[in-house]
Every structure is written in structure tokens, then in C-alpha cells.
All heavy atoms as atom14 arrays in JSON, in Angstrom:
{
  "sequence": "KFQSCWDGQNIDSANHRDHVAFAAPKTGVCPNGFQ",
  "atom14_mask": [
    [1, 1, 1, 1, 1, 1, 1, 1, 1, 0, 0, 0, 0, 0],
    [1, 1, 1, 1, 1, 1, 1, 1, 1, 1, 1, 0, 0, 0],
    [1, 1, 1, 1, 1, 1, 1, 1, 1, 0, 0, 0, 0, 0],
    [1, 1, 1, 1, 1, 1, 0, 0, 0, 0, 0, 0, 0, 0],
    [1, 1, 1, 1, 1, 1, 0, 0, 0, 0, 0, 0, 0, 0],
    [1, 1, 1, 1, 1, 1, 1, 1, 1, 1, 1, 1, 1, 1],
    [1, 1, 1, 1, 1, 1, 1, 1, 0, 0, 0, 0, 0, 0],
    [1, 1, 1, 1, 0, 0, 0, 0, 0, 0, 0, 0, 0, 0],
    [1, 1, 1, 1, 1, 1, 1, 1, 1, 0, 0, 0, 0, 0],
    [1, 1, 1, 1, 1, 1, 1, 1, 0, 0, 0, 0, 0, 0],
    [1, 1, 1, 1, 1, 1, 1, 1, 0, 0, 0, 0, 0, 0],
    [1, 1, 1, 1, 1, 1, 1, 1, 0, 0, 0, 0, 0, 0],
    [1, 1, 1, 1, 1, 1, 0, 0, 0, 0, 0, 0, 0, 0],
    [1, 1, 1, 1, 1, 0, 0, 0, 0, 0, 0, 0, 0, 0],
    [1, 1, 1, 1, 1, 1, 1, 1, 0, 0, 0, 0, 0, 0],
    [1, 1, 1, 1, 1, 1, 1, 1, 1, 1, 0, 0, 0, 0],
    [1, 1, 1, 1, 1, 1, 1, 1, 1, 1, 1, 0, 0, 0],
    [1, 1, 1, 1, 1, 1, 1, 1, 0, 0, 0, 0, 0, 0],
    [1, 1, 1, 1, 1, 1, 1, 1, 1, 1, 0, 0, 0, 0],
    [1, 1, 1, 1, 1, 1, 1, 0, 0, 0, 0, 0, 0, 0],
    [1, 1, 1, 1, 1, 0, 0, 0, 0, 0, 0, 0, 0, 0],
    [1, 1, 1, 1, 1, 1, 1, 1, 1, 1, 1, 0, 0, 0],
    [1, 1, 1, 1, 1, 0, 0, 0, 0, 0, 0, 0, 0, 0],
    [1, 1, 1, 1, 1, 0, 0, 0, 0, 0, 0, 0, 0, 0],
    [1, 1, 1, 1, 1, 1, 1, 0, 0, 0, 0, 0, 0, 0],
    [1, 1, 1, 1, 1, 1, 1, 1, 1, 0, 0, 0, 0, 0],
    [1, 1, 1, 1, 1, 1, 1, 0, 0, 0, 0, 0, 0, 0],
    [1, 1, 1, 1, 0, 0, 0, 0, 0, 0, 0, 0, 0, 0],
    [1, 1, 1, 1, 1, 1, 1, 0, 0, 0, 0, 0, 0, 0],
    [1, 1, 1, 1, 1, 1, 0, 0, 0, 0, 0, 0, 0, 0],
    [1, 1, 1, 1, 1, 1, 1, 0, 0, 0, 0, 0, 0, 0],
    [1, 1, 1, 1, 1, 1, 1, 1, 0, 0, 0, 0, 0, 0],
    [1, 1, 1, 1, 0, 0, 0, 0, 0, 0, 0, 0, 0, 0],
    [1, 1, 1, 1, 1, 1, 1, 1, 1, 1, 1, 0, 0, 0],
    [1, 1, 1, 1, 1, 1, 1, 1, 1, 0, 0, 0, 0, 0]
  ],
  "atom14_positions": [
    [[-192.98, 112.34, 54.33], [-192.58, 113.12, 55.51], [-192.86, 112.27, 56.76], [-193.96, 111.73, 56.9], [-193.33, 114.43, 55.58], [-192.95, 115.36, 54.44], [-193.69, 116.68, 54.53], [-193.25, 117.57, 53.37], [-193.94, 118.85, 53.38], [0.0, 0.0, 0.0], [0.0, 0.0, 0.0], [0.0, 0.0, 0.0], [0.0, 0.0, 0.0], [0.0, 0.0, 0.0]],
    [[-191.86, 112.14, 57.59], [-192.0, 111.39, 58.82], [-192.43, 112.31, 59.97], [-192.28, 113.55, 59.89], [-190.69, 110.69, 59.19], [-190.37, 109.52, 58.3], [-189.93, 109.68, 57.01], [-190.54, 108.23, 58.77], [-189.64, 108.61, 56.21], [-190.28, 107.13, 57.97], [-189.81, 107.33, 56.68], [0.0, 0.0, 0.0], [0.0, 0.0, 0.0], [0.0, 0.0, 0.0]],
    [[-192.96, 111.75, 61.01], [-193.4, 112.5, 62.18], [-192.23, 113.25, 62.81], [-191.11, 112.75, 62.83], [-194.03, 111.53, 63.2], [-195.25, 110.81, 62.69], [-194.94, 109.52, 61.93], [-193.89, 109.35, 61.33], [-195.89, 108.59, 61.93], [0.0, 0.0, 0.0], [0.0, 0.0, 0.0], [0.0, 0.0, 0.0], [0.0, 0.0, 0.0], [0.0, 0.0, 0.0]],
    [[-192.5, 114.44, 63.32], [-191.45, 115.26, 63.9], [-191.69, 115.55, 65.39], [-191.11, 116.5, 65.94], [-191.3, 116.56, 63.13], [-192.51, 117.29, 63.19], [0.0, 0.0, 0.0], [0.0, 0.0, 0.0], [0.0, 0.0, 0.0], [0.0, 0.0, 0.0], [0.0, 0.0, 0.0], [0.0, 0.0, 0.0], [0.0, 0.0, 0.0], [0.0, 0.0, 0.0]],
    [[-192.55, 114.78, 66.01], [-192.81, 114.92, 67.43], [-192.71, 113.55, 68.1], [-193.17, 112.55, 67.51], [-194.21, 115.5, 67.68], [-194.5, 117.11, 66.89], [0.0, 0.0, 0.0], [0.0, 0.0, 0.0], [0.0, 0.0, 0.0], [0.0, 0.0, 0.0], [0.0, 0.0, 0.0], [0.0, 0.0, 0.0], [0.0, 0.0, 0.0], [0.0, 0.0, 0.0]],
    [[-192.13, 113.53, 69.29], [-191.88, 112.26, 70.0], [-192.4, 112.4, 71.42], [-192.33, 113.48, 72.02], [-190.37, 111.97, 69.96], [-189.9, 110.83, 70.78], [-190.38, 109.56, 70.78], [-188.83, 110.84, 71.71], [-189.66, 108.77, 71.66], [-188.71, 109.54, 72.25], [-187.95, 111.83, 72.16], [-187.75, 109.21, 73.19], [-186.98, 111.49, 73.11], [-186.9, 110.19, 73.59]],
    [[-192.9, 111.3, 71.99], [-193.44, 111.34, 73.36], [-192.38, 111.48, 74.44], [-192.68, 111.61, 75.62], [-194.37, 110.16, 73.62], [-193.67, 108.82, 73.73], [-192.43, 108.76, 73.73], [-194.39, 107.78, 73.8], [0.0, 0.0, 0.0], [0.0, 0.0, 0.0], [0.0, 0.0, 0.0], [0.0, 0.0, 0.0], [0.0, 0.0, 0.0], [0.0, 0.0, 0.0]],
    [[-191.1, 111.42, 74.06], [-190.01, 111.62, 74.99], [-189.69, 110.4, 75.86], [-188.79, 110.45, 76.68], [0.0, 0.0, 0.0], [0.0, 0.0, 0.0], [0.0, 0.0, 0.0], [0.0, 0.0, 0.0], [0.0, 0.0, 0.0], [0.0, 0.0, 0.0], [0.0, 0.0, 0.0], [0.0, 0.0, 0.0], [0.0, 0.0, 0.0], [0.0, 0.0, 0.0]],
    [[-190.39, 109.3, 75.64], [-190.19, 108.11, 76.49], [-189.98, 106.84, 75.69], [-189.09, 106.06, 75.98], [-191.39, 107.91, 77.41], [-191.6, 109.04, 78.38], [-192.85, 108.84, 79.21], [-193.52, 107.8, 79.13], [-193.17, 109.81, 79.99], [0.0, 0.0, 0.0], [0.0, 0.0, 0.0], [0.0, 0.0, 0.0], [0.0, 0.0, 0.0], [0.0, 0.0, 0.0]],
    [[-190.84, 106.57, 74.75], [-190.86, 105.28, 74.07], [-190.09, 105.31, 72.75], [-190.24, 106.24, 71.97], [-192.33, 104.85, 73.8], [-193.1, 104.72, 75.1], [-192.8, 103.87, 75.9], [-194.06, 105.61, 75.29], [0.0, 0.0, 0.0], [0.0, 0.0, 0.0], [0.0, 0.0, 0.0], [0.0, 0.0, 0.0], [0.0, 0.0, 0.0], [0.0, 0.0, 0.0]],
    [[-189.31, 104.26, 72.52], [-188.56, 104.19, 71.25], [-189.35, 103.5, 70.16], [-188.97, 103.51, 69.01], [-187.18, 103.5, 71.46], [-187.36, 102.07, 71.98], [-186.3, 104.33, 72.37], [-186.08, 101.26, 72.02], [0.0, 0.0, 0.0], [0.0, 0.0, 0.0], [0.0, 0.0, 0.0], [0.0, 0.0, 0.0], [0.0, 0.0, 0.0], [0.0, 0.0, 0.0]],
    [[-190.48, 102.89, 70.53], [-191.34, 102.21, 69.56], [-192.71, 102.02, 70.24], [-192.85, 102.24, 71.44], [-190.74, 100.85, 69.16], [-191.27, 100.35, 67.81], [-192.17, 100.99, 67.22], [-190.8, 99.3, 67.35], [0.0, 0.0, 0.0], [0.0, 0.0, 0.0], [0.0, 0.0, 0.0], [0.0, 0.0, 0.0], [0.0, 0.0, 0.0], [0.0, 0.0, 0.0]],
    [[-193.68, 101.61, 69.48], [-194.99, 101.26, 70.01], [-195.53, 100.13, 69.14], [-194.98, 99.84, 68.08], [-195.92, 102.48, 69.98], [-195.98, 103.07, 68.68], [0.0, 0.0, 0.0], [0.0, 0.0, 0.0], [0.0, 0.0, 0.0], [0.0, 0.0, 0.0], [0.0, 0.0, 0.0], [0.0, 0.0, 0.0], [0.0, 0.0, 0.0], [0.0, 0.0, 0.0]],
    [[-196.6, 99.5, 69.57], [-197.12, 98.32, 68.87], [-197.41, 98.6, 67.39], [-197.12, 97.76, 66.54], [-198.37, 97.8, 69.57], [0.0, 0.0, 0.0], [0.0, 0.0, 0.0], [0.0, 0.0, 0.0], [0.0, 0.0, 0.0], [0.0, 0.0, 0.0], [0.0, 0.0, 0.0], [0.0, 0.0, 0.0], [0.0, 0.0, 0.0], [0.0, 0.0, 0.0]],
    [[-197.92, 99.77, 67.09], [-198.23, 100.09, 65.7], [-197.16, 100.98, 65.06], [-197.33, 101.47, 63.97], [-199.62, 100.78, 65.6], [-199.66, 102.12, 66.31], [-198.66, 102.6, 66.82], [-200.83, 102.68, 66.35], [0.0, 0.0, 0.0], [0.0, 0.0, 0.0], [0.0, 0.0, 0.0], [0.0, 0.0, 0.0], [0.0, 0.0, 0.0], [0.0, 0.0, 0.0]],
    [[-196.05, 101.22, 65.77], [-194.92, 102.04, 65.31], [-195.34, 103.49, 65.06], [-194.64, 104.23, 64.38], [-194.27, 101.47, 64.05], [-194.0, 100.0, 64.13], [-193.2, 99.45, 65.11], [-194.44, 98.98, 63.38], [-193.16, 98.13, 64.95], [-193.9, 97.82, 63.91], [0.0, 0.0, 0.0], [0.0, 0.0, 0.0], [0.0, 0.0, 0.0], [0.0, 0.0, 0.0]],
    [[-196.48, 103.92, 65.63], [-196.99, 105.28, 65.42], [-197.29, 106.03, 66.71], [-197.16, 107.24, 66.77], [-198.27, 105.24, 64.57], [-198.09, 104.89, 63.13], [-199.45, 104.93, 62.43], [-199.32, 104.82, 61.0], [-199.07, 103.73, 60.33], [-198.88, 102.61, 60.96], [-198.99, 103.74, 59.03], [0.0, 0.0, 0.0], [0.0, 0.0, 0.0], [0.0, 0.0, 0.0]],
    [[-197.81, 105.33, 67.74], [-198.33, 106.02, 68.91], [-197.29, 106.82, 69.69], [-197.65, 107.76, 70.43], [-199.03, 105.03, 69.85], [-200.34, 104.51, 69.27], [-200.88, 105.13, 68.32], [-200.82, 103.48, 69.74], [0.0, 0.0, 0.0], [0.0, 0.0, 0.0], [0.0, 0.0, 0.0], [0.0, 0.0, 0.0], [0.0, 0.0, 0.0], [0.0, 0.0, 0.0]],
    [[-196.03, 106.48, 69.58], [-194.98, 107.2, 70.3], [-194.45, 108.44, 69.57], [-193.63, 109.18, 70.1], [-193.8, 106.23, 70.6], [-193.12, 105.74, 69.37], [-193.77, 104.97, 68.44], [-191.86, 105.91, 68.91], [-192.93, 104.67, 67.46], [-191.76, 105.24, 67.73], [0.0, 0.0, 0.0], [0.0, 0.0, 0.0], [0.0, 0.0, 0.0], [0.0, 0.0, 0.0]],
    [[-194.96, 108.66, 68.35], [-194.59, 109.82, 67.56], [-195.85, 110.45, 66.99], [-196.89, 109.83, 66.94], [-193.62, 109.45, 66.39], [-192.23, 109.08, 66.93], [-194.18, 108.32, 65.55], [0.0, 0.0, 0.0], [0.0, 0.0, 0.0], [0.0, 0.0, 0.0], [0.0, 0.0, 0.0], [0.0, 0.0, 0.0], [0.0, 0.0, 0.0], [0.0, 0.0, 0.0]],
    [[-195.73, 111.71, 66.59], [-196.9, 112.41, 66.04], [-196.41, 113.47, 65.06], [-195.23, 113.85, 65.06], [-197.69, 113.08, 67.17], [0.0, 0.0, 0.0], [0.0, 0.0, 0.0], [0.0, 0.0, 0.0], [0.0, 0.0, 0.0], [0.0, 0.0, 0.0], [0.0, 0.0, 0.0], [0.0, 0.0, 0.0], [0.0, 0.0, 0.0], [0.0, 0.0, 0.0]],
    [[-197.32, 113.94, 64.24], [-197.04, 115.04, 63.34], [-197.28, 116.36, 64.06], [-198.25, 116.47, 64.83], [-197.91, 114.97, 62.08], [-197.51, 113.87, 61.13], [-198.19, 112.67, 61.13], [-196.43, 114.05, 60.26], [-197.82, 111.64, 60.27], [-196.06, 113.03, 59.39], [-196.75, 111.84, 59.41], [0.0, 0.0, 0.0], [0.0, 0.0, 0.0], [0.0, 0.0, 0.0]],
    [[-196.46, 117.33, 63.8], [-196.67, 118.68, 64.3], [-197.87, 119.29, 63.53], [-198.17, 118.88, 62.4], [-195.42, 119.53, 64.1], [0.0, 0.0, 0.0], [0.0, 0.0, 0.0], [0.0, 0.0, 0.0], [0.0, 0.0, 0.0], [0.0, 0.0, 0.0], [0.0, 0.0, 0.0], [0.0, 0.0, 0.0], [0.0, 0.0, 0.0], [0.0, 0.0, 0.0]],
    [[-198.52, 120.25, 64.13], [-199.61, 120.95, 63.47], [-199.08, 121.59, 62.19], [-198.05, 122.28, 62.22], [-200.19, 121.99, 64.39], [0.0, 0.0, 0.0], [0.0, 0.0, 0.0], [0.0, 0.0, 0.0], [0.0, 0.0, 0.0], [0.0, 0.0, 0.0], [0.0, 0.0, 0.0], [0.0, 0.0, 0.0], [0.0, 0.0, 0.0], [0.0, 0.0, 0.0]],
    [[-199.73, 121.38, 61.04], [-199.21, 121.86, 59.76], [-198.99, 123.36, 59.7], [-198.01, 123.83, 59.15], [-200.28, 121.43, 58.74], [-201.07, 120.37, 59.41], [-200.96, 120.6, 60.88], [0.0, 0.0, 0.0], [0.0, 0.0, 0.0], [0.0, 0.0, 0.0], [0.0, 0.0, 0.0], [0.0, 0.0, 0.0], [0.0, 0.0, 0.0], [0.0, 0.0, 0.0]],
    [[-199.88, 124.14, 60.28], [-199.79, 125.59, 60.17], [-198.84, 126.22, 61.2], [-198.19, 127.22, 60.93], [-201.15, 126.24, 60.28], [-202.04, 125.92, 59.08], [-203.37, 126.62, 59.14], [-204.18, 126.23, 57.92], [-205.49, 126.83, 57.91], [0.0, 0.0, 0.0], [0.0, 0.0, 0.0], [0.0, 0.0, 0.0], [0.0, 0.0, 0.0], [0.0, 0.0, 0.0]],
    [[-198.74, 125.61, 62.39], [-197.94, 126.24, 63.46], [-196.64, 125.49, 63.74], [-195.73, 126.07, 64.32], [-198.74, 126.28, 64.76], [-199.02, 124.96, 65.21], [-200.04, 127.07, 64.58], [0.0, 0.0, 0.0], [0.0, 0.0, 0.0], [0.0, 0.0, 0.0], [0.0, 0.0, 0.0], [0.0, 0.0, 0.0], [0.0, 0.0, 0.0], [0.0, 0.0, 0.0]],
    [[-196.54, 124.21, 63.38], [-195.37, 123.42, 63.69], [-195.29, 123.0, 65.14], [-194.28, 122.48, 65.59], [0.0, 0.0, 0.0], [0.0, 0.0, 0.0], [0.0, 0.0, 0.0], [0.0, 0.0, 0.0], [0.0, 0.0, 0.0], [0.0, 0.0, 0.0], [0.0, 0.0, 0.0], [0.0, 0.0, 0.0], [0.0, 0.0, 0.0], [0.0, 0.0, 0.0]],
    [[-196.39, 123.19, 65.88], [-196.42, 122.84, 67.31], [-196.76, 121.36, 67.49], [-197.67, 120.85, 66.83], [-197.44, 123.74, 68.04], [-197.59, 123.32, 69.51], [-197.03, 125.2, 67.96], [0.0, 0.0, 0.0], [0.0, 0.0, 0.0], [0.0, 0.0, 0.0], [0.0, 0.0, 0.0], [0.0, 0.0, 0.0], [0.0, 0.0, 0.0], [0.0, 0.0, 0.0]],
    [[-196.05, 120.71, 68.4], [-196.31, 119.29, 68.7], [-197.52, 119.18, 69.6], [-197.82, 120.09, 70.38], [-195.1, 118.67, 69.4], [-193.68, 118.44, 68.31], [0.0, 0.0, 0.0], [0.0, 0.0, 0.0], [0.0, 0.0, 0.0], [0.0, 0.0, 0.0], [0.0, 0.0, 0.0], [0.0, 0.0, 0.0], [0.0, 0.0, 0.0], [0.0, 0.0, 0.0]],
    [[-198.24, 118.06, 69.52], [-199.37, 117.83, 70.44], [-198.89, 117.81, 71.89], [-197.71, 117.57, 72.16], [-199.92, 116.48, 70.03], [-199.32, 116.18, 68.7], [-198.07, 116.97, 68.6], [0.0, 0.0, 0.0], [0.0, 0.0, 0.0], [0.0, 0.0, 0.0], [0.0, 0.0, 0.0], [0.0, 0.0, 0.0], [0.0, 0.0, 0.0], [0.0, 0.0, 0.0]],
    [[-199.81, 118.01, 72.82], [-199.47, 117.96, 74.26], [-198.83, 116.62, 74.57], [-199.27, 115.57, 74.12], [-200.72, 118.14, 75.11], [-201.17, 119.58, 75.18], [-200.4, 120.49, 74.89], [-202.43, 119.79, 75.54], [0.0, 0.0, 0.0], [0.0, 0.0, 0.0], [0.0, 0.0, 0.0], [0.0, 0.0, 0.0], [0.0, 0.0, 0.0], [0.0, 0.0, 0.0]],
    [[-197.76, 116.68, 75.36], [-197.06, 115.46, 75.76], [-195.97, 115.03, 74.77], [-195.32, 114.02, 75.0], [0.0, 0.0, 0.0], [0.0, 0.0, 0.0], [0.0, 0.0, 0.0], [0.0, 0.0, 0.0], [0.0, 0.0, 0.0], [0.0, 0.0, 0.0], [0.0, 0.0, 0.0], [0.0, 0.0, 0.0], [0.0, 0.0, 0.0], [0.0, 0.0, 0.0]],
    [[-195.81, 115.76, 73.69], [-194.8, 115.43, 72.69], [-193.81, 116.59, 72.56], [-194.15, 117.73, 72.79], [-195.47, 115.19, 71.33], [-196.22, 113.9, 71.25], [-197.5, 113.76, 71.77], [-195.64, 112.79, 70.67], [-198.19, 112.58, 71.72], [-196.32, 111.56, 70.59], [-197.6, 111.46, 71.11], [0.0, 0.0, 0.0], [0.0, 0.0, 0.0], [0.0, 0.0, 0.0]],
    [[-192.59, 116.27, 72.16], [-191.55, 117.26, 71.93], [-191.04, 117.13, 70.5], [-191.09, 116.06, 69.91], [-190.41, 117.05, 72.92], [-189.69, 115.72, 72.75], [-188.68, 115.46, 73.84], [-188.87, 115.84, 74.97], [-187.57, 114.82, 73.46], [0.0, 0.0, 0.0], [0.0, 0.0, 0.0], [0.0, 0.0, 0.0], [0.0, 0.0, 0.0], [0.0, 0.0, 0.0]]
  ]
}
């Protein structure tokens, strides 16, 4: 499963992870600053 939240700005990051995040497993809500 790939990350389903994006910072809305960056298409990549040095580690290919910091610009995306996983939604909370129980709620599906993205972390602050992510859509």
C-alpha cells in the first residue's frame, strides 16, 4: 500500500517519503499539512 496523503507542494523529496504520508489507519485522516 502506497501513501495516500501529499504535502500539496513537492513532487519528490530526498528520501522519496517526506512529501507523502500515510493516512491514520482508523480514521483515514491525513496528517496536518497533507491532503
